[in-house]
Each structure stands twice: as C-alpha cells, then as structure tokens.
Amino acid sequence: MQIRLAVETDYESVLRIMNQVQDIHVELRPDIYKENKVIIAKEEFMEALEGETFYVAEDGEKVIGIMGLTYRHIESSSHVTRDVIFVDCMAVDEPYRGTGVGHAFFDKLKEVAREKHSDGIELQVNARNKQAYEMYAKYGFSEKSINMELLEW
C-alpha cells in the first residue's frame, strides 16, 4: 500500500468511498445528512488536486482510502499564531477498514506537517461514529473542543 497525491483519474474511486461515509452519516444523523451521490463536485476535486491537498491510499492499482486536507493559518488578537493542517475528510474503503490504512494516512500527515512546519493537525469526528473516534484516539488525537446542539426549543 502507498499513500500518494490524488490524480484526476481517481475521481470515481473517491466518490465511491465518500459515498460509503455519507451513508454512515445518513444512518447516524438522518436529521442532518441526506443521501447525495456527488459528495465532491469534479471542479472542487480538481481544485484540491491543484492545491495538492487530496491524497489516496492505493493497494496495487486500487484506491482504498481518501484524505482531503486544508491548510489553515490562524492569526488573531486572541489566538497564538499557528499554521494547522485540518483533515477535511478521511475514509477507508469498507473491505479495507481495520487494516492499517488510517494509520498510514496519519503517518503521511505527520510527514506533511513536518514539511510545512505546521503547529498541529486537527480534525472533526461525528460524536456518534464511535469506530472513527476510537481510531483517532488510539492514534493519539485528543479532544480540543466539543460541539453541542439544541434540537428542541
């Protein structure tokens, strides 16, 4: 398995894997998420390729995982100035979950963070997605903040 920058021909594989995650989100929170077979538009994907912010995990010639990043420069009067890599999306093709693909992505993230002289790596996880939460915690991520919601008033 290798982690590499995505290329245009990966688009259909990326959609397939993103749809698996969307299905999980719809199942966990149908009050928020809806079915959508085009989670990332081709134009948006092409922009990510140009910015070198989208990676895939490949086993042979098969794309088995995806990871999209955003580079954030944080600077304000109330915050310490920081450059953070934010993981917008990370997903592993269902048959390959639990085989180390996520850990390979995190190793790549550390490499990219060192190259970019980043101050941190951050991501968000659905509170009901226990499997993803546990994987992130096992790798060393800790809670930074907690989003809360009020559904009835």
Protein backbone atom coordinates (compact mmCIF):
# COMPACT_ATOMS: atom_id res chain seq x y z
CA MET A 1 0.00 0.00 0.00
CA GLN A 2 1.15 3.51 -0.74
CA ILE A 3 -0.16 6.98 0.06
CA ARG A 4 0.12 9.42 -2.84
CA LEU A 5 -1.34 12.66 -4.09
CA ALA A 6 -4.60 12.07 -5.92
CA VAL A 7 -4.86 12.45 -9.69
CA GLU A 8 -7.85 13.18 -11.91
CA THR A 9 -8.43 9.51 -12.77
CA ASP A 10 -9.04 8.80 -9.04
CA TYR A 11 -12.27 10.81 -9.06
CA GLU A 12 -14.75 7.90 -9.41
CA SER A 13 -12.98 5.91 -6.68
CA VAL A 14 -13.01 8.95 -4.42
CA LEU A 15 -16.76 9.36 -4.95
CA ARG A 16 -17.35 5.66 -4.21
CA ILE A 17 -15.53 5.85 -0.88
CA MET A 18 -17.01 9.22 0.08
CA ASN A 19 -20.47 7.78 -0.55
CA GLN A 20 -19.76 4.97 1.92
CA VAL A 21 -19.02 7.58 4.58
CA GLN A 22 -22.05 9.64 3.62
CA ASP A 23 -24.21 6.54 4.08
CA ILE A 24 -22.80 6.17 7.62
CA HIS A 25 -23.57 9.83 8.33
CA VAL A 26 -27.12 9.49 6.98
CA GLU A 27 -27.66 6.41 9.15
CA LEU A 28 -26.29 8.13 12.27
CA ARG A 29 -27.94 11.52 11.73
CA PRO A 30 -30.79 11.47 9.18
CA ASP A 31 -31.95 14.76 10.71
CA ILE A 32 -28.79 16.44 9.37
CA TYR A 33 -27.44 14.38 6.48
CA LYS A 34 -29.19 13.30 3.30
CA GLU A 35 -28.27 10.95 0.51
CA ASN A 36 -26.08 12.59 -2.08
CA LYS A 37 -24.09 10.65 -4.66
CA VAL A 38 -21.85 13.60 -5.58
CA ILE A 39 -20.24 14.49 -2.26
CA ILE A 40 -17.43 16.35 -4.00
CA ALA A 41 -18.02 18.03 -7.35
CA LYS A 42 -15.47 17.36 -10.07
CA GLU A 43 -14.48 21.06 -10.08
CA GLU A 44 -13.84 21.01 -6.33
CA PHE A 45 -11.82 17.81 -6.69
CA MET A 46 -9.72 19.40 -9.45
CA GLU A 47 -9.04 22.43 -7.23
CA ALA A 48 -7.86 20.09 -4.47
CA LEU A 49 -5.53 18.41 -6.95
CA GLU A 50 -4.08 21.77 -7.99
CA GLY A 51 -3.55 22.69 -4.34
CA GLU A 52 -2.03 19.28 -3.59
CA THR A 53 -4.47 18.78 -0.72
CA PHE A 54 -6.05 15.44 -1.64
CA TYR A 55 -4.38 12.08 -1.08
CA VAL A 56 -5.34 8.50 -1.78
CA ALA A 57 -4.22 5.18 -0.36
CA GLU A 58 -3.59 2.69 -3.12
CA ASP A 59 -3.25 -1.09 -2.97
CA GLY A 60 -1.85 -2.16 -6.30
CA GLU A 61 -3.85 -0.01 -8.66
CA LYS A 62 -6.98 0.13 -6.48
CA VAL A 63 -7.81 3.25 -4.46
CA ILE A 64 -8.70 2.01 -0.97
CA GLY A 65 -8.73 5.25 1.02
CA ILE A 66 -9.00 9.01 0.68
CA MET A 67 -7.86 12.04 2.65
CA GLY A 68 -8.56 15.71 1.98
CA LEU A 69 -6.73 18.50 3.79
CA THR A 70 -6.98 22.23 4.34
CA TYR A 71 -4.06 24.36 5.43
CA ARG A 72 -5.19 26.97 7.95
CA HIS A 73 -3.22 29.99 9.10
CA ILE A 74 -4.67 31.17 12.40
CA GLU A 75 -3.84 34.69 13.47
CA SER A 76 -5.90 36.99 15.65
CA SER A 77 -5.61 39.21 18.68
CA SER A 78 -6.94 36.42 20.90
CA HIS A 79 -5.06 33.42 19.48
CA VAL A 80 -1.47 32.36 19.25
CA THR A 81 -0.45 32.48 15.59
CA ARG A 82 -0.44 28.94 14.23
CA ASP A 83 -0.38 27.01 10.98
CA VAL A 84 -2.62 23.97 11.25
CA ILE A 85 -3.42 21.11 8.90
CA PHE A 86 -7.12 20.33 9.10
CA VAL A 87 -8.30 16.93 7.89
CA ASP A 88 -11.49 17.69 5.96
CA CYS A 89 -12.17 14.08 5.12
CA MET A 90 -10.58 10.72 5.68
CA ALA A 91 -12.20 7.47 4.70
CA VAL A 92 -11.20 3.90 4.01
CA ASP A 93 -13.00 1.59 1.60
CA GLU A 94 -15.17 -0.72 3.69
CA PRO A 95 -13.32 -4.00 2.96
CA TYR A 96 -10.02 -2.39 3.99
CA ARG A 97 -11.08 -0.89 7.31
CA GLY A 98 -9.00 -2.11 10.22
CA THR A 99 -6.03 -3.00 8.00
CA GLY A 100 -3.81 -0.03 8.85
CA VAL A 101 -4.83 2.37 6.08
CA GLY A 102 -5.90 5.05 8.56
CA HIS A 103 -2.59 4.78 10.38
CA ALA A 104 -0.73 5.09 7.07
CA PHE A 105 -2.68 8.31 6.42
CA PHE A 106 -1.69 9.64 9.85
CA ASP A 107 1.95 8.83 9.17
CA LYS A 108 1.65 10.77 5.90
CA LEU A 109 0.00 13.64 7.79
CA LYS A 110 2.94 13.84 10.17
CA GLU A 111 5.32 13.91 7.21
CA VAL A 112 3.35 16.72 5.54
CA ALA A 113 3.14 18.63 8.84
CA ARG A 114 6.92 18.50 9.22
CA GLU A 115 7.45 19.61 5.60
CA LYS A 116 5.04 22.54 6.02
CA HIS A 117 6.32 23.42 9.51
CA SER A 118 2.78 23.08 10.86
CA ASP A 119 1.95 23.61 14.51
CA GLY A 120 -0.78 20.99 14.67
CA ILE A 121 -3.09 18.55 12.95
CA GLU A 122 -6.82 18.77 13.62
CA LEU A 123 -9.99 17.03 12.51
CA GLN A 124 -13.64 16.71 13.42
CA VAL A 125 -15.46 13.45 14.06
CA ASN A 126 -19.16 12.74 14.36
CA ALA A 127 -19.84 12.08 18.05
CA ARG A 128 -21.92 9.02 17.15
CA ASN A 129 -19.22 7.48 14.95
CA LYS A 130 -17.56 5.53 17.76
CA GLN A 131 -15.36 3.48 15.42
CA ALA A 132 -13.75 6.57 13.90
CA TYR A 133 -13.47 8.31 17.28
CA GLU A 134 -11.70 5.31 18.79
CA MET A 135 -9.28 5.08 15.87
CA TYR A 136 -8.35 8.76 16.21
CA ALA A 137 -7.93 8.45 19.98
CA LYS A 138 -5.83 5.31 19.58
CA TYR A 139 -3.53 7.19 17.24
CA GLY A 140 -3.07 9.96 19.79
CA PHE A 141 -5.68 12.59 18.95
CA SER A 142 -7.38 14.20 21.93
CA GLU A 143 -10.47 16.35 22.28
CA LYS A 144 -9.84 20.03 21.61
CA SER A 145 -13.41 21.27 21.79
CA ILE A 146 -16.88 19.79 21.80
CA ASN A 147 -19.69 20.93 19.51
CA MET A 148 -23.08 20.84 21.18
CA GLU A 149 -26.55 21.29 19.74
CA LEU A 150 -30.06 22.06 20.94
CA LEU A 151 -32.64 20.28 18.81
CA GLU A 152 -35.84 21.23 20.60
CA TRP A 153 -36.99 24.58 21.93
